[in-house]
Amino acid sequence: MEASQHELYEYARDRIKQKKWLFIHLIVLLIGSLFLFTANHLLNFHEETNWWIWVVAVWICLFIFHLIKVLITDSFMNKNWERAQIDKLMLQQTKKIEKLKNDLENSQQPK
């Protein structure tokens, strides 16, 4: 397998792992929410308050952050984006170095 194909394979494998863990997180969230609801209502565990709603709300917020990371952030800030940013910065540095060299050569020439 060529290096470029291997890199594409690794990227695809990593994305699948991310999406798999997102799906597992969703399933655990649903099962955990059901358990917390049951603990609060059927087992009469602090039934006077609906504490389970707050726990599930925080958990949902964490799930939303996970969702944003996997589906939005990592989808466009991937290896290609990193490579493009590195190339852009290297080009800027090269231009600055060339400008400094030209300035130095111009200042050293006798007038």
Protein backbone atom coordinates (compact mmCIF):
# COMPACT_ATOMS: atom_id res chain seq x y z
CA MET A 1 0.00 0.00 0.00
CA GLU A 2 1.36 3.40 -0.95
CA ALA A 3 2.01 6.03 1.68
CA SER A 4 -0.79 8.29 0.44
CA GLN A 5 -3.28 5.42 0.39
CA HIS A 6 -2.17 4.36 3.85
CA GLU A 7 -2.64 7.92 5.11
CA LEU A 8 -6.16 8.04 3.63
CA TYR A 9 -6.92 4.67 5.20
CA GLU A 10 -5.69 5.84 8.62
CA TYR A 11 -7.73 9.03 8.37
CA ALA A 12 -10.87 7.08 7.44
CA ARG A 13 -10.25 4.62 10.26
CA ASP A 14 -9.83 7.43 12.78
CA ARG A 15 -13.03 9.13 11.61
CA ILE A 16 -14.94 5.86 11.91
CA LYS A 17 -13.60 5.41 15.46
CA GLN A 18 -14.71 8.94 16.36
CA LYS A 19 -18.20 8.36 14.99
CA LYS A 20 -18.39 4.96 16.70
CA TRP A 21 -17.55 6.51 20.09
CA LEU A 22 -20.10 9.26 19.46
CA PHE A 23 -22.77 6.63 18.82
CA ILE A 24 -21.73 4.70 21.95
CA HIS A 25 -21.91 7.95 23.93
CA LEU A 26 -25.48 8.48 22.68
CA ILE A 27 -26.53 4.95 23.65
CA VAL A 28 -24.97 5.26 27.12
CA LEU A 29 -26.67 8.66 27.51
CA LEU A 30 -30.07 7.17 26.71
CA ILE A 31 -29.63 4.14 28.96
CA GLY A 32 -28.14 6.26 31.75
CA SER A 33 -31.01 8.76 31.51
CA LEU A 34 -33.52 5.94 31.77
CA PHE A 35 -31.69 4.54 34.80
CA LEU A 36 -31.57 7.96 36.49
CA PHE A 37 -35.27 8.51 35.82
CA THR A 38 -36.02 5.08 37.28
CA ALA A 39 -33.82 5.72 40.31
CA ASN A 40 -35.58 9.02 40.96
CA HIS A 41 -39.18 7.87 40.46
CA LEU A 42 -39.55 4.14 40.96
CA LEU A 43 -36.96 3.57 43.67
CA ASN A 44 -38.06 6.72 45.56
CA PHE A 45 -34.49 7.95 45.73
CA HIS A 46 -34.87 11.65 46.60
CA GLU A 47 -38.22 11.73 44.85
CA GLU A 48 -39.08 15.16 46.24
CA THR A 49 -36.65 16.71 43.78
CA ASN A 50 -36.10 16.01 40.12
CA TRP A 51 -32.33 15.83 40.42
CA TRP A 52 -32.08 13.42 37.51
CA ILE A 53 -33.10 16.22 35.10
CA TRP A 54 -30.04 18.26 36.07
CA VAL A 55 -27.71 15.30 35.70
CA VAL A 56 -29.15 14.44 32.29
CA ALA A 57 -29.01 18.12 31.20
CA VAL A 58 -25.29 18.31 32.02
CA TRP A 59 -24.74 14.99 30.28
CA ILE A 60 -26.60 16.22 27.19
CA CYS A 61 -24.38 19.32 27.13
CA LEU A 62 -21.30 17.11 27.21
CA PHE A 63 -22.77 14.98 24.42
CA ILE A 64 -23.42 18.12 22.34
CA PHE A 65 -19.79 19.20 22.82
CA HIS A 66 -18.70 15.71 21.72
CA LEU A 67 -21.03 15.92 18.71
CA ILE A 68 -19.66 19.32 17.68
CA LYS A 69 -16.09 18.07 18.02
CA VAL A 70 -16.66 14.97 15.89
CA LEU A 71 -19.04 16.24 13.21
CA ILE A 72 -18.00 19.87 12.86
CA THR A 73 -14.55 20.65 14.22
CA ASP A 74 -12.73 17.47 13.21
CA SER A 75 -14.42 17.31 9.81
CA PHE A 76 -12.82 20.52 8.54
CA MET A 77 -9.81 20.83 10.85
CA ASN A 78 -8.28 17.58 9.65
CA LYS A 79 -4.85 16.63 8.30
CA ASN A 80 -5.42 18.48 5.03
CA TRP A 81 -6.31 21.66 6.93
CA GLU A 82 -3.23 21.29 9.13
CA ARG A 83 -1.02 20.71 6.10
CA ALA A 84 -2.46 23.77 4.33
CA GLN A 85 -1.87 25.93 7.42
CA ILE A 86 1.71 24.67 7.73
CA ASP A 87 2.36 25.34 4.03
CA LYS A 88 0.88 28.83 4.38
CA LEU A 89 3.07 29.66 7.39
CA MET A 90 6.18 28.23 5.72
CA LEU A 91 5.52 30.36 2.63
CA GLN A 92 5.15 33.47 4.80
CA GLN A 93 8.40 32.68 6.60
CA THR A 94 10.21 32.08 3.31
CA LYS A 95 8.99 35.43 1.98
CA LYS A 96 10.15 37.20 5.15
CA ILE A 97 13.56 35.55 4.95
CA GLU A 98 13.94 36.53 1.29
CA LYS A 99 12.92 40.10 2.10
CA LEU A 100 15.45 40.27 4.95
CA LYS A 101 18.18 38.87 2.67
CA ASN A 102 17.37 41.45 0.00
CA ASP A 103 17.32 44.24 2.57
CA LEU A 104 20.67 43.06 3.96
CA GLU A 105 22.24 42.85 0.48
CA ASN A 106 20.93 46.31 -0.42
CA SER A 107 22.26 47.82 2.78
CA GLN A 108 25.73 46.27 2.30
CA GLN A 109 26.20 47.51 -1.27
CA PRO A 110 28.44 50.57 -1.53
CA LYS A 111 26.68 53.72 -2.53
